[in-house]
Amino acid sequence: MFTVLGGGFGIKYDSTDDPLTPAEYIKKTAEAVKEVAMERNIDLPYLVFEPGRSIVAPAGITLYTVGGVKEIENVRTYVSIDGGMGDNPRYILYGAKYSAVVANNAGAKPIAPVTIAGKCCESGDLIQENIMMPEIKVGDTLAILATGAYNYSMASNYNRIPRPPIVAVKGNEKKVIVKRETYDDIIRNDVL
């Protein structure tokens, strides 16, 4: 019997995550499979573990430009960005957590919670709520970390917004590996 156990090993999306190491995960899973096989009197299956997101998630960073900062006294501070649920729907779908930094001031210490909001003007168009961040100004570049596993595969053209490009970076080398979509790309299948 051949069994693939997928979903990928867990990763550290934010400071509260404490994923098992691959070795710990494999050991615990193998022990559970062995126990069930013994209880049911079946042969042990050949296990294959799919590492998936543990490889690609940490390799991806999504960069956004801050378009506005709106402080509602005693309520919250919104940081609006030039992307959102169209290119990263994970927060609105199931509350995915991320770490974020101001890329052009990455050493700055977090001072206050903010809510990072997208450009779709939807109540659910959020990337994170109440995430501790340093001072953020219009024009800053916000980096959302560990987005390599799902952003592109789950992205859509919600509100007919073209998807951004994907750029591979190694050292000082960079290469566009998925072109930025244009509005012509979005409407090319429209008949009327």
Protein backbone atom coordinates (compact mmCIF):
# COMPACT_ATOMS: atom_id res chain seq x y z
CA MET A 1 0.00 0.00 0.00
CA PHE A 2 1.27 3.47 -0.94
CA THR A 3 0.05 6.51 1.03
CA VAL A 4 0.93 10.15 0.40
CA LEU A 5 0.52 12.46 3.37
CA GLY A 6 0.31 16.01 2.12
CA GLY A 7 -0.40 19.53 3.11
CA GLY A 8 3.26 20.15 3.60
CA PHE A 9 5.16 20.55 6.83
CA GLY A 10 4.05 23.54 8.89
CA ILE A 11 5.96 26.80 8.74
CA LYS A 12 6.29 29.88 10.90
CA TYR A 13 3.87 32.39 9.38
CA ASP A 14 3.98 34.67 12.42
CA SER A 15 5.61 34.84 15.85
CA THR A 16 2.91 32.69 17.48
CA ASP A 17 3.56 29.69 15.22
CA ASP A 18 5.75 26.88 16.52
CA PRO A 19 5.70 24.19 13.83
CA LEU A 20 7.21 20.76 14.30
CA THR A 21 10.49 20.13 12.55
CA PRO A 22 10.13 17.77 9.55
CA ALA A 23 11.78 14.99 11.60
CA GLU A 24 9.33 15.49 14.49
CA TYR A 25 6.36 15.61 12.11
CA ILE A 26 7.43 12.42 10.32
CA LYS A 27 8.06 10.62 13.62
CA LYS A 28 4.66 11.57 15.13
CA THR A 29 2.80 10.76 11.92
CA ALA A 30 4.57 7.42 11.49
CA GLU A 31 3.75 6.49 15.10
CA ALA A 32 0.05 7.34 14.56
CA VAL A 33 -0.10 5.37 11.29
CA LYS A 34 1.62 2.39 12.93
CA GLU A 35 -0.86 2.47 15.82
CA VAL A 36 -3.89 2.56 13.50
CA ALA A 37 -2.45 -0.20 11.31
CA MET A 38 -1.97 -2.41 14.38
CA GLU A 39 -5.50 -1.65 15.69
CA ARG A 40 -7.03 -2.56 12.33
CA ASN A 41 -4.68 -5.46 11.70
CA ILE A 42 -3.50 -4.14 8.34
CA ASP A 43 -0.07 -4.01 6.75
CA LEU A 44 1.94 -0.87 7.32
CA PRO A 45 1.66 1.39 4.27
CA TYR A 46 4.64 2.88 2.51
CA LEU A 47 4.50 6.56 3.51
CA VAL A 48 5.52 9.48 1.34
CA PHE A 49 5.56 12.97 2.83
CA GLU A 50 4.98 15.93 0.55
CA PRO A 51 6.95 18.93 1.87
CA GLY A 52 5.05 21.47 -0.26
CA ARG A 53 4.60 24.79 1.46
CA SER A 54 7.57 24.30 3.80
CA ILE A 55 9.78 24.90 0.76
CA VAL A 56 7.89 27.50 -1.27
CA ALA A 57 6.00 29.52 1.37
CA PRO A 58 9.07 31.02 3.08
CA ALA A 59 10.62 31.70 -0.33
CA GLY A 60 7.86 34.15 -1.29
CA ILE A 61 7.43 37.73 -0.17
CA THR A 62 4.64 39.97 -1.43
CA LEU A 63 5.47 43.67 -1.72
CA TYR A 64 2.82 46.35 -1.53
CA THR A 65 2.99 50.14 -1.71
CA VAL A 66 1.21 52.00 1.07
CA GLY A 67 -1.38 54.33 -0.43
CA GLY A 68 -2.87 55.73 2.75
CA VAL A 69 -2.83 55.62 6.53
CA LYS A 70 -6.11 56.36 8.33
CA GLU A 71 -6.17 56.57 12.10
CA ILE A 72 -9.56 56.32 13.76
CA GLU A 73 -8.89 57.45 17.31
CA ASN A 74 -9.61 54.79 19.96
CA VAL A 75 -10.71 52.35 17.23
CA ARG A 76 -7.91 51.32 14.84
CA THR A 77 -5.40 52.48 12.28
CA TYR A 78 -5.90 51.34 8.69
CA VAL A 79 -2.95 51.02 6.32
CA SER A 80 -4.23 50.80 2.75
CA ILE A 81 -2.14 49.04 0.12
CA ASP A 82 -2.15 48.63 -3.65
CA GLY A 83 -3.21 44.98 -3.49
CA GLY A 84 -5.39 42.88 -1.25
CA MET A 85 -7.81 39.98 -1.39
CA GLY A 86 -7.46 39.60 -5.16
CA ASP A 87 -3.79 38.63 -4.86
CA ASN A 88 -4.02 37.16 -1.34
CA PRO A 89 -7.48 35.88 -0.30
CA ARG A 90 -6.22 33.70 2.57
CA TYR A 91 -7.05 36.10 5.39
CA ILE A 92 -10.65 36.64 4.34
CA LEU A 93 -11.15 32.95 3.54
CA TYR A 94 -9.78 31.44 6.74
CA GLY A 95 -7.95 33.99 8.84
CA ALA A 96 -4.40 33.18 7.70
CA LYS A 97 -1.75 34.97 9.73
CA TYR A 98 1.38 36.63 8.40
CA SER A 99 4.37 38.60 9.56
CA ALA A 100 4.99 41.94 7.89
CA VAL A 101 7.77 44.51 7.78
CA VAL A 102 8.20 47.95 6.31
CA ALA A 103 10.73 46.89 3.67
CA ASN A 104 12.25 50.33 3.25
CA ASN A 105 12.72 50.56 7.05
CA ALA A 106 13.04 46.90 8.03
CA GLY A 107 14.96 47.59 11.24
CA ALA A 108 12.21 49.76 12.72
CA LYS A 109 10.63 48.44 15.91
CA PRO A 110 6.88 47.76 16.05
CA ILE A 111 5.05 50.44 18.05
CA ALA A 112 1.32 50.00 17.43
CA PRO A 113 -1.28 47.65 15.95
CA VAL A 114 -2.58 48.36 12.45
CA THR A 115 -5.05 46.75 10.09
CA ILE A 116 -3.70 46.25 6.57
CA ALA A 117 -6.52 46.83 4.09
CA GLY A 118 -6.66 46.22 0.35
CA LYS A 119 -7.90 48.37 -2.49
CA CYS A 120 -11.17 46.58 -3.31
CA CYS A 121 -13.26 48.68 -0.91
CA GLU A 122 -14.78 45.57 0.67
CA SER A 123 -15.17 45.10 4.42
CA GLY A 124 -13.30 41.80 4.12
CA ASP A 125 -10.50 43.07 1.92
CA LEU A 126 -7.86 42.71 4.60
CA ILE A 127 -4.41 41.17 4.73
CA GLN A 128 -4.03 41.35 8.54
CA GLU A 129 -5.83 42.92 11.48
CA ASN A 130 -4.18 44.28 14.61
CA ILE A 131 -0.65 43.43 13.52
CA MET A 132 2.09 45.25 15.43
CA MET A 133 4.01 47.51 13.07
CA PRO A 134 6.43 50.45 13.20
CA GLU A 135 5.36 53.88 11.99
CA ILE A 136 4.09 53.56 8.42
CA LYS A 137 3.92 56.39 5.90
CA VAL A 138 2.33 56.79 2.47
CA GLY A 139 4.76 55.49 -0.14
CA ASP A 140 6.39 52.92 2.18
CA THR A 141 6.86 49.40 0.87
CA LEU A 142 5.14 46.79 2.99
CA ALA A 143 6.52 43.25 2.77
CA ILE A 144 4.19 40.40 3.72
CA LEU A 145 6.36 37.37 4.49
CA ALA A 146 5.91 33.68 3.68
CA THR A 147 3.46 34.15 0.79
CA GLY A 148 5.16 31.81 -1.68
CA ALA A 149 2.85 28.83 -1.30
CA TYR A 150 -0.59 30.23 -1.96
CA ASN A 151 -0.74 33.82 -3.18
CA TYR A 152 -0.39 33.20 -6.89
CA SER A 153 -2.26 29.89 -6.91
CA MET A 154 -5.25 31.42 -5.11
CA ALA A 155 -5.17 34.87 -6.76
CA SER A 156 -8.09 36.04 -8.86
CA ASN A 157 -9.13 38.96 -11.00
CA TYR A 158 -11.65 40.08 -8.40
CA ASN A 159 -13.13 43.45 -9.43
CA ARG A 160 -11.30 42.86 -12.72
CA ILE A 161 -7.99 43.84 -11.19
CA PRO A 162 -4.98 42.44 -13.09
CA ARG A 163 -2.65 40.22 -11.09
CA PRO A 164 0.85 41.49 -10.28
CA PRO A 165 4.04 39.98 -11.69
CA ILE A 166 6.19 37.41 -9.95
CA VAL A 167 9.90 38.14 -9.79
CA ALA A 168 12.56 35.59 -8.82
CA VAL A 169 15.48 37.12 -6.95
CA LYS A 170 18.84 35.55 -6.15
CA GLY A 171 21.50 37.85 -4.76
CA ASN A 172 21.63 40.83 -7.12
CA GLU A 173 19.96 38.92 -9.95
CA LYS A 174 16.25 39.26 -10.67
CA LYS A 175 14.04 37.82 -13.35
CA VAL A 176 10.33 38.20 -14.11
CA ILE A 177 8.94 34.65 -14.10
CA VAL A 178 5.24 35.57 -14.45
CA LYS A 179 4.38 38.75 -16.36
CA ARG A 180 2.13 41.43 -14.85
CA GLU A 181 -1.38 41.11 -16.25
CA THR A 182 -2.86 44.02 -18.18
CA TYR A 183 -6.46 45.13 -18.61
CA ASP A 184 -6.24 43.74 -22.15
CA ASP A 185 -5.48 40.33 -20.60
CA ILE A 186 -8.56 40.68 -18.40
CA ILE A 187 -10.96 41.54 -21.24
CA ARG A 188 -9.52 39.39 -24.04
CA ASN A 189 -12.27 36.76 -23.69
CA ASP A 190 -15.11 39.31 -23.49
CA VAL A 191 -17.39 39.00 -26.51
CA LEU A 192 -19.52 42.11 -26.01
